[in-house]
Amino acid sequence: MNRKMTSKKLASTASSVMRSQNSSKIQKSLAGSALSQFHSKNVTGKEMEAKASKVLNSSKYSATTKRLAASVLSQSDKCR
């Protein structure tokens, strides 16, 4: 079981991403996952883990997108 949660600072960033019309689909997907883990026991699912991993391994994504991906990935199920 993973006890990590999204920090208040990252939740604020994720919220801004969700509200922005300029945010990409991948950013909104990662932001939604991060927000679902804010003050909850939710963990990252397999599909989202794969998405976040691809973002972190690519040079084409922004620092904000990578920060969201890192948070989401750090909250994955350790048993998987």
PDB file of N, CA and C in Angstrom:
ATOM      1  N   MET A   1       0.838  -1.192   0.000  1.00  0.00           N
ATOM      2  CA  MET A   1       0.000   0.000   0.000  1.00  0.00           C
ATOM      3  C   MET A   1       0.874   1.244   0.000  1.00  0.00           C
ATOM      4  N   ASN A   2       0.504   2.198  -0.791  1.00  0.00           N
ATOM      5  CA  ASN A   2       1.261   3.435  -0.901  1.00  0.00           C
ATOM      6  C   ASN A   2       0.631   4.501  -0.018  1.00  0.00           C
ATOM      7  N   ARG A   3       1.424   5.153   0.786  1.00  0.00           N
ATOM      8  CA  ARG A   3       0.903   6.187   1.693  1.00  0.00           C
ATOM      9  C   ARG A   3       1.184   7.604   1.199  1.00  0.00           C
ATOM     10  N   LYS A   4       1.777   7.720   0.013  1.00  0.00           N
ATOM     11  CA  LYS A   4       2.085   9.042  -0.512  1.00  0.00           C
ATOM     12  C   LYS A   4       0.829   9.715  -1.039  1.00  0.00           C
ATOM     13  N   MET A   5       0.812  11.047  -0.930  1.00  0.00           N
ATOM     14  CA  MET A   5      -0.297  11.841  -1.449  1.00  0.00           C
ATOM     15  C   MET A   5       0.266  13.037  -2.203  1.00  0.00           C
ATOM     16  N   THR A   6      -0.519  13.592  -3.069  1.00  0.00           N
ATOM     17  CA  THR A   6      -0.143  14.796  -3.801  1.00  0.00           C
ATOM     18  C   THR A   6      -0.009  15.959  -2.811  1.00  0.00           C
ATOM     19  N   SER A   7       1.065  16.716  -2.949  1.00  0.00           N
ATOM     20  CA  SER A   7       1.281  17.856  -2.055  1.00  0.00           C
ATOM     21  C   SER A   7       0.319  18.996  -2.404  1.00  0.00           C
ATOM     22  N   LYS A   8       0.165  19.909  -1.475  1.00  0.00           N
ATOM     23  CA  LYS A   8      -0.709  21.064  -1.675  1.00  0.00           C
ATOM     24  C   LYS A   8      -0.217  21.908  -2.853  1.00  0.00           C
ATOM     25  N   LYS A   9       1.102  22.076  -2.950  1.00  0.00           N
ATOM     26  CA  LYS A   9       1.687  22.885  -4.021  1.00  0.00           C
ATOM     27  C   LYS A   9       1.422  22.245  -5.392  1.00  0.00           C
ATOM     28  N   LEU A  10       1.616  20.937  -5.487  1.00  0.00           N
ATOM     29  CA  LEU A  10       1.391  20.268  -6.758  1.00  0.00           C
ATOM     30  C   LEU A  10      -0.104  20.218  -7.087  1.00  0.00           C
ATOM     31  N   ALA A  11      -0.948  20.071  -6.089  1.00  0.00           N
ATOM     32  CA  ALA A  11      -2.396  20.087  -6.313  1.00  0.00           C
ATOM     33  C   ALA A  11      -2.825  21.440  -6.882  1.00  0.00           C
ATOM     34  N   SER A  12      -2.205  22.501  -6.409  1.00  0.00           N
ATOM     35  CA  SER A  12      -2.495  23.834  -6.926  1.00  0.00           C
ATOM     36  C   SER A  12      -2.078  23.940  -8.393  1.00  0.00           C
ATOM     37  N   THR A  13      -0.899  23.412  -8.710  1.00  0.00           N
ATOM     38  CA  THR A  13      -0.426  23.399 -10.099  1.00  0.00           C
ATOM     39  C   THR A  13      -1.380  22.580 -10.968  1.00  0.00           C
ATOM     40  N   ALA A  14      -1.769  21.417 -10.474  1.00  0.00           N
ATOM     41  CA  ALA A  14      -2.683  20.541 -11.213  1.00  0.00           C
ATOM     42  C   ALA A  14      -4.018  21.230 -11.457  1.00  0.00           C
ATOM     43  N   SER A  15      -4.496  21.945 -10.471  1.00  0.00           N
ATOM     44  CA  SER A  15      -5.753  22.676 -10.600  1.00  0.00           C
ATOM     45  C   SER A  15      -5.658  23.743 -11.689  1.00  0.00           C
ATOM     46  N   SER A  16      -4.531  24.439 -11.719  1.00  0.00           N
ATOM     47  CA  SER A  16      -4.304  25.458 -12.756  1.00  0.00           C
ATOM     48  C   SER A  16      -4.265  24.835 -14.144  1.00  0.00           C
ATOM     49  N   VAL A  17      -3.621  23.686 -14.244  1.00  0.00           N
ATOM     50  CA  VAL A  17      -3.544  22.963 -15.518  1.00  0.00           C
ATOM     51  C   VAL A  17      -4.946  22.582 -15.989  1.00  0.00           C
ATOM     52  N   MET A  18      -5.767  22.090 -15.076  1.00  0.00           N
ATOM     53  CA  MET A  18      -7.117  21.664 -15.432  1.00  0.00           C
ATOM     54  C   MET A  18      -7.981  22.843 -15.907  1.00  0.00           C
ATOM     55  N   ARG A  19      -7.763  24.016 -15.347  1.00  0.00           N
ATOM     56  CA  ARG A  19      -8.554  25.190 -15.708  1.00  0.00           C
ATOM     57  C   ARG A  19      -8.080  25.868 -16.992  1.00  0.00           C
ATOM     58  N   SER A  20      -6.829  25.637 -17.351  1.00  0.00           N
ATOM     59  CA  SER A  20      -6.250  26.319 -18.506  1.00  0.00           C
ATOM     60  C   SER A  20      -6.715  25.717 -19.839  1.00  0.00           C
ATOM     61  N   GLN A  21      -7.081  26.585 -20.755  1.00  0.00           N
ATOM     62  CA  GLN A  21      -7.461  26.137 -22.095  1.00  0.00           C
ATOM     63  C   GLN A  21      -6.233  25.762 -22.917  1.00  0.00           C
ATOM     64  N   ASN A  22      -5.058  26.199 -22.477  1.00  0.00           N
ATOM     65  CA  ASN A  22      -3.827  25.931 -23.214  1.00  0.00           C
ATOM     66  C   ASN A  22      -3.148  24.624 -22.816  1.00  0.00           C
ATOM     67  N   SER A  23      -3.667  23.962 -21.802  1.00  0.00           N
ATOM     68  CA  SER A  23      -3.064  22.709 -21.342  1.00  0.00           C
ATOM     69  C   SER A  23      -3.353  21.591 -22.334  1.00  0.00           C
ATOM     70  N   SER A  24      -2.362  20.725 -22.514  1.00  0.00           N
ATOM     71  CA  SER A  24      -2.517  19.596 -23.431  1.00  0.00           C
ATOM     72  C   SER A  24      -3.347  18.488 -22.782  1.00  0.00           C
ATOM     73  N   LYS A  25      -3.757  17.550 -23.606  1.00  0.00           N
ATOM     74  CA  LYS A  25      -4.551  16.413 -23.135  1.00  0.00           C
ATOM     75  C   LYS A  25      -3.760  15.598 -22.103  1.00  0.00           C
ATOM     76  N   ILE A  26      -2.474  15.386 -22.355  1.00  0.00           N
ATOM     77  CA  ILE A  26      -1.639  14.607 -21.428  1.00  0.00           C
ATOM     78  C   ILE A  26      -1.475  15.349 -20.109  1.00  0.00           C
ATOM     79  N   GLN A  27      -1.314  16.667 -20.166  1.00  0.00           N
ATOM     80  CA  GLN A  27      -1.203  17.457 -18.934  1.00  0.00           C
ATOM     81  C   GLN A  27      -2.473  17.332 -18.108  1.00  0.00           C
ATOM     82  N   LYS A  28      -3.617  17.446 -18.756  1.00  0.00           N
ATOM     83  CA  LYS A  28      -4.888  17.364 -18.037  1.00  0.00           C
ATOM     84  C   LYS A  28      -5.102  15.969 -17.463  1.00  0.00           C
ATOM     85  N   SER A  29      -4.676  14.961 -18.181  1.00  0.00           N
ATOM     86  CA  SER A  29      -4.808  13.589 -17.701  1.00  0.00           C
ATOM     87  C   SER A  29      -3.962  13.372 -16.441  1.00  0.00           C
ATOM     88  N   LEU A  30      -2.712  13.823 -16.489  1.00  0.00           N
ATOM     89  CA  LEU A  30      -1.812  13.690 -15.332  1.00  0.00           C
ATOM     90  C   LEU A  30      -2.297  14.559 -14.165  1.00  0.00           C
ATOM     91  N   ALA A  31      -2.781  15.761 -14.472  1.00  0.00           N
ATOM     92  CA  ALA A  31      -3.279  16.659 -13.426  1.00  0.00           C
ATOM     93  C   ALA A  31      -4.497  16.050 -12.741  1.00  0.00           C
ATOM     94  N   GLY A  32      -5.381  15.454 -13.518  1.00  0.00           N
ATOM     95  CA  GLY A  32      -6.559  14.810 -12.950  1.00  0.00           C
ATOM     96  C   GLY A  32      -6.190  13.673 -12.027  1.00  0.00           C
ATOM     97  N   SER A  33      -5.198  12.891 -12.428  1.00  0.00           N
ATOM     98  CA  SER A  33      -4.739  11.791 -11.591  1.00  0.00           C
ATOM     99  C   SER A  33      -4.118  12.314 -10.293  1.00  0.00           C
ATOM    100  N   ALA A  34      -3.298  13.351 -10.419  1.00  0.00           N
ATOM    101  CA  ALA A  34      -2.656  13.940  -9.232  1.00  0.00           C
ATOM    102  C   ALA A  34      -3.718  14.496  -8.275  1.00  0.00           C
ATOM    103  N   LEU A  35      -4.725  15.165  -8.818  1.00  0.00           N
ATOM    104  CA  LEU A  35      -5.778  15.724  -7.971  1.00  0.00           C
ATOM    105  C   LEU A  35      -6.603  14.631  -7.289  1.00  0.00           C
ATOM    106  N   SER A  36      -6.782  13.513  -7.960  1.00  0.00           N
ATOM    107  CA  SER A  36      -7.553  12.421  -7.357  1.00  0.00           C
ATOM    108  C   SER A  36      -6.801  11.795  -6.188  1.00  0.00           C
ATOM    109  N   GLN A  37      -5.493  12.069  -6.108  1.00  0.00           N
ATOM    110  CA  GLN A  37      -4.673  11.516  -5.031  1.00  0.00           C
ATOM    111  C   GLN A  37      -4.363  12.550  -3.952  1.00  0.00           C
ATOM    112  N   PHE A  38      -4.998  13.701  -4.041  1.00  0.00           N
ATOM    113  CA  PHE A  38      -4.812  14.752  -3.042  1.00  0.00           C
ATOM    114  C   PHE A  38      -5.740  14.463  -1.864  1.00  0.00           C
ATOM    115  N   HIS A  39      -5.174  14.245  -0.705  1.00  0.00           N
ATOM    116  CA  HIS A  39      -5.922  13.902   0.509  1.00  0.00           C
ATOM    117  C   HIS A  39      -6.800  12.664   0.333  1.00  0.00           C
ATOM    118  N   SER A  40      -6.267  11.658  -0.340  1.00  0.00           N
ATOM    119  CA  SER A  40      -7.006  10.408  -0.493  1.00  0.00           C
ATOM    120  C   SER A  40      -6.022   9.236  -0.502  1.00  0.00           C
ATOM    121  N   LYS A  41      -6.547   8.050  -0.454  1.00  0.00           N
ATOM    122  CA  LYS A  41      -5.707   6.846  -0.467  1.00  0.00           C
ATOM    123  C   LYS A  41      -5.628   6.236  -1.864  1.00  0.00           C
ATOM    124  N   ASN A  42      -6.101   6.967  -2.879  1.00  0.00           N
ATOM    125  CA  ASN A  42      -6.037   6.465  -4.249  1.00  0.00           C
ATOM    126  C   ASN A  42      -4.593   6.271  -4.674  1.00  0.00           C
ATOM    127  N   VAL A  43      -4.371   5.263  -5.495  1.00  0.00           N
ATOM    128  CA  VAL A  43      -3.043   5.033  -6.066  1.00  0.00           C
ATOM    129  C   VAL A  43      -3.149   5.082  -7.580  1.00  0.00           C
ATOM    130  N   THR A  44      -2.032   5.279  -8.238  1.00  0.00           N
ATOM    131  CA  THR A  44      -1.978   5.363  -9.686  1.00  0.00           C
ATOM    132  C   THR A  44      -2.234   4.005 -10.319  1.00  0.00           C
ATOM    133  N   GLY A  45      -3.069   3.988 -11.339  1.00  0.00           N
ATOM    134  CA  GLY A  45      -3.368   2.755 -12.069  1.00  0.00           C
ATOM    135  C   GLY A  45      -2.287   2.422 -13.087  1.00  0.00           C
ATOM    136  N   LYS A  46      -2.370   1.211 -13.635  1.00  0.00           N
ATOM    137  CA  LYS A  46      -1.374   0.728 -14.601  1.00  0.00           C
ATOM    138  C   LYS A  46      -1.246   1.622 -15.829  1.00  0.00           C
ATOM    139  N   GLU A  47      -2.375   1.997 -16.407  1.00  0.00           N
ATOM    140  CA  GLU A  47      -2.344   2.820 -17.619  1.00  0.00           C
ATOM    141  C   GLU A  47      -1.710   4.181 -17.360  1.00  0.00           C
ATOM    142  N   MET A  48      -2.057   4.773 -16.232  1.00  0.00           N
ATOM    143  CA  MET A  48      -1.499   6.081 -15.901  1.00  0.00           C
ATOM    144  C   MET A  48      -0.007   5.967 -15.590  1.00  0.00           C
ATOM    145  N   GLU A  49       0.406   4.862 -14.981  1.00  0.00           N
ATOM    146  CA  GLU A  49       1.835   4.632 -14.742  1.00  0.00           C
ATOM    147  C   GLU A  49       2.594   4.622 -16.059  1.00  0.00           C
ATOM    148  N   ALA A  50       2.055   3.922 -17.042  1.00  0.00           N
ATOM    149  CA  ALA A  50       2.702   3.829 -18.353  1.00  0.00           C
ATOM    150  C   ALA A  50       2.783   5.199 -19.015  1.00  0.00           C
ATOM    151  N   LYS A  51       1.706   5.970 -18.930  1.00  0.00           N
ATOM    152  CA  LYS A  51       1.668   7.318 -19.507  1.00  0.00           C
ATOM    153  C   LYS A  51       2.714   8.213 -18.846  1.00  0.00           C
ATOM    154  N   ALA A  52       2.743   8.188 -17.521  1.00  0.00           N
ATOM    155  CA  ALA A  52       3.688   9.026 -16.772  1.00  0.00           C
ATOM    156  C   ALA A  52       5.125   8.632 -17.074  1.00  0.00           C
ATOM    157  N   SER A  53       5.366   7.349 -17.209  1.00  0.00           N
ATOM    158  CA  SER A  53       6.705   6.859 -17.517  1.00  0.00           C
ATOM    159  C   SER A  53       7.172   7.356 -18.884  1.00  0.00           C
ATOM    160  N   LYS A  54       6.274   7.324 -19.869  1.00  0.00           N
ATOM    161  CA  LYS A  54       6.615   7.814 -21.215  1.00  0.00           C
ATOM    162  C   LYS A  54       6.952   9.299 -21.186  1.00  0.00           C
ATOM    163  N   VAL A  55       6.198  10.058 -20.402  1.00  0.00           N
ATOM    164  CA  VAL A  55       6.454  11.500 -20.291  1.00  0.00           C
ATOM    165  C   VAL A  55       7.843  11.745 -19.714  1.00  0.00           C
ATOM    166  N   LEU A  56       8.173  11.024 -18.655  1.00  0.00           N
ATOM    167  CA  LEU A  56       9.470  11.234 -18.008  1.00  0.00           C
ATOM    168  C   LEU A  56      10.646  10.810 -18.884  1.00  0.00           C
ATOM    169  N   ASN A  57      10.412   9.853 -19.780  1.00  0.00           N
ATOM    170  CA  ASN A  57      11.484   9.361 -20.648  1.00  0.00           C
ATOM    171  C   ASN A  57      11.596  10.128 -21.956  1.00  0.00           C
ATOM    172  N   SER A  58      10.767  11.135 -22.140  1.00  0.00           N
ATOM    173  CA  SER A  58      10.776  11.914 -23.374  1.00  0.00           C
ATOM    174  C   SER A  58      11.296  13.323 -23.110  1.00  0.00           C
ATOM    175  N   SER A  59      11.936  13.890 -24.130  1.00  0.00           N
ATOM    176  CA  SER A  59      12.454  15.259 -23.973  1.00  0.00           C
ATOM    177  C   SER A  59      11.463  16.303 -24.493  1.00  0.00           C
ATOM    178  N   LYS A  60      10.343  15.871 -25.054  1.00  0.00           N
ATOM    179  CA  LYS A  60       9.432  16.833 -25.677  1.00  0.00           C
ATOM    180  C   LYS A  60       8.421  17.477 -24.729  1.00  0.00           C
ATOM    181  N   TYR A  61       8.378  17.035 -23.468  1.00  0.00           N
ATOM    182  CA  TYR A  61       7.383  17.562 -22.531  1.00  0.00           C
ATOM    183  C   TYR A  61       7.957  18.659 -21.639  1.00  0.00           C
ATOM    184  N   SER A  62       7.081  19.557 -21.208  1.00  0.00           N
ATOM    185  CA  SER A  62       7.487  20.698 -20.366  1.00  0.00           C
ATOM    186  C   SER A  62       7.823  20.246 -18.947  1.00  0.00           C
ATOM    187  N   ALA A  63       8.432  21.146 -18.215  1.00  0.00           N
ATOM    188  CA  ALA A  63       8.792  20.866 -16.818  1.00  0.00           C
ATOM    189  C   ALA A  63       7.540  20.608 -15.976  1.00  0.00           C
ATOM    190  N   THR A  64       6.480  21.342 -16.237  1.00  0.00           N
ATOM    191  CA  THR A  64       5.233  21.146 -15.492  1.00  0.00           C
ATOM    192  C   THR A  64       4.664  19.753 -15.752  1.00  0.00           C
ATOM    193  N   THR A  65       4.667  19.337 -17.002  1.00  0.00           N
ATOM    194  CA  THR A  65       4.153  18.014 -17.358  1.00  0.00           C
ATOM    195  C   THR A  65       4.991  16.939 -16.690  1.00  0.00           C
ATOM    196  N   LYS A  66       6.302  17.115 -16.691  1.00  0.00           N
ATOM    197  CA  LYS A  66       7.188  16.131 -16.059  1.00  0.00           C
ATOM    198  C   LYS A  66       7.010  16.101 -14.545  1.00  0.00           C
ATOM    199  N   ARG A  67       6.763  17.258 -13.946  1.00  0.00           N
ATOM    200  CA  ARG A  67       6.535  17.324 -12.497  1.00  0.00           C
ATOM    201  C   ARG A  67       5.253  16.569 -12.126  1.00  0.00           C
ATOM    202  N   LEU A  68       4.211  16.752 -12.915  1.00  0.00           N
ATOM    203  CA  LEU A  68       2.957  16.028 -12.690  1.00  0.00           C
ATOM    204  C   LEU A  68       3.174  14.524 -12.866  1.00  0.00           C
ATOM    205  N   ALA A  69       3.901  14.151 -13.918  1.00  0.00           N
ATOM    206  CA  ALA A  69       4.166  12.734 -14.185  1.00  0.00           C
ATOM    207  C   ALA A  69       4.965  12.097 -13.057  1.00  0.00           C
ATOM    208  N   ALA A  70       5.952  12.810 -12.540  1.00  0.00           N
ATOM    209  CA  ALA A  70       6.773  12.281 -11.450  1.00  0.00           C
ATOM    210  C   ALA A  70       5.938  12.054 -10.195  1.00  0.00           C
ATOM    211  N   SER A  71       5.046  12.986  -9.911  1.00  0.00           N
ATOM    212  CA  SER A  71       4.187  12.841  -8.739  1.00  0.00           C
ATOM    213  C   SER A  71       3.262  11.644  -8.890  1.00  0.00           C
ATOM    214  N   VAL A  72       2.639  11.541 -10.057  1.00  0.00           N
ATOM    215  CA  VAL A  72       1.710  10.439 -10.320  1.00  0.00           C
ATOM    216  C   VAL A  72       2.448   9.094 -10.222  1.00  0.00           C
ATOM    217  N   LEU A  73       3.631   9.033 -10.800  1.00  0.00           N
ATOM    218  CA  LEU A  73       4.401   7.791 -10.784  1.00  0.00           C
ATOM    219  C   LEU A  73       4.871   7.427  -9.379  1.00  0.00           C
ATOM    220  N   SER A  74       5.189   8.423  -8.578  1.00  0.00           N
ATOM    221  CA  SER A  74       5.651   8.144  -7.213  1.00  0.00           C
ATOM    222  C   SER A  74       4.527   7.607  -6.322  1.00  0.00           C
ATOM    223  N   GLN A  75       3.291   7.768  -6.786  1.00  0.00           N
ATOM    224  CA  GLN A  75       2.144   7.314  -6.006  1.00  0.00           C
ATOM    225  C   GLN A  75       1.539   6.037  -6.573  1.00  0.00           C
ATOM    226  N   SER A  76       2.359   5.293  -7.326  1.00  0.00           N
ATOM    227  CA  SER A  76       1.860   4.041  -7.899  1.00  0.00           C
ATOM    228  C   SER A  76       1.926   2.928  -6.860  1.00  0.00           C
ATOM    229  N   ASP A  77       1.253   1.847  -7.172  1.00  0.00           N
ATOM    230  CA  ASP A  77       1.207   0.681  -6.296  1.00  0.00           C
ATOM    231  C   ASP A  77       2.571  -0.010  -6.304  1.00  0.00           C
ATOM    232  N   LYS A  78       3.246  -0.025  -5.182  1.00  0.00           N
ATOM    233  CA  LYS A  78       4.606  -0.578  -5.098  1.00  0.00           C
ATOM    234  C   LYS A  78       4.644  -2.087  -5.353  1.00  0.00           C
ATOM    235  N   CYS A  79       3.519  -2.772  -5.155  1.00  0.00           N
ATOM    236  CA  CYS A  79       3.472  -4.220  -5.347  1.00  0.00           C
ATOM    237  C   CYS A  79       3.434  -4.618  -6.817  1.00  0.00           C
ATOM    238  N   ARG A  80       3.122  -3.664  -7.681  1.00  0.00           N
ATOM    239  CA  ARG A  80       2.994  -3.972  -9.102  1.00  0.00           C
ATOM    240  C   ARG A  80       4.308  -4.149  -9.766  1.00  0.00           C
TER     241      ARG A  80
END
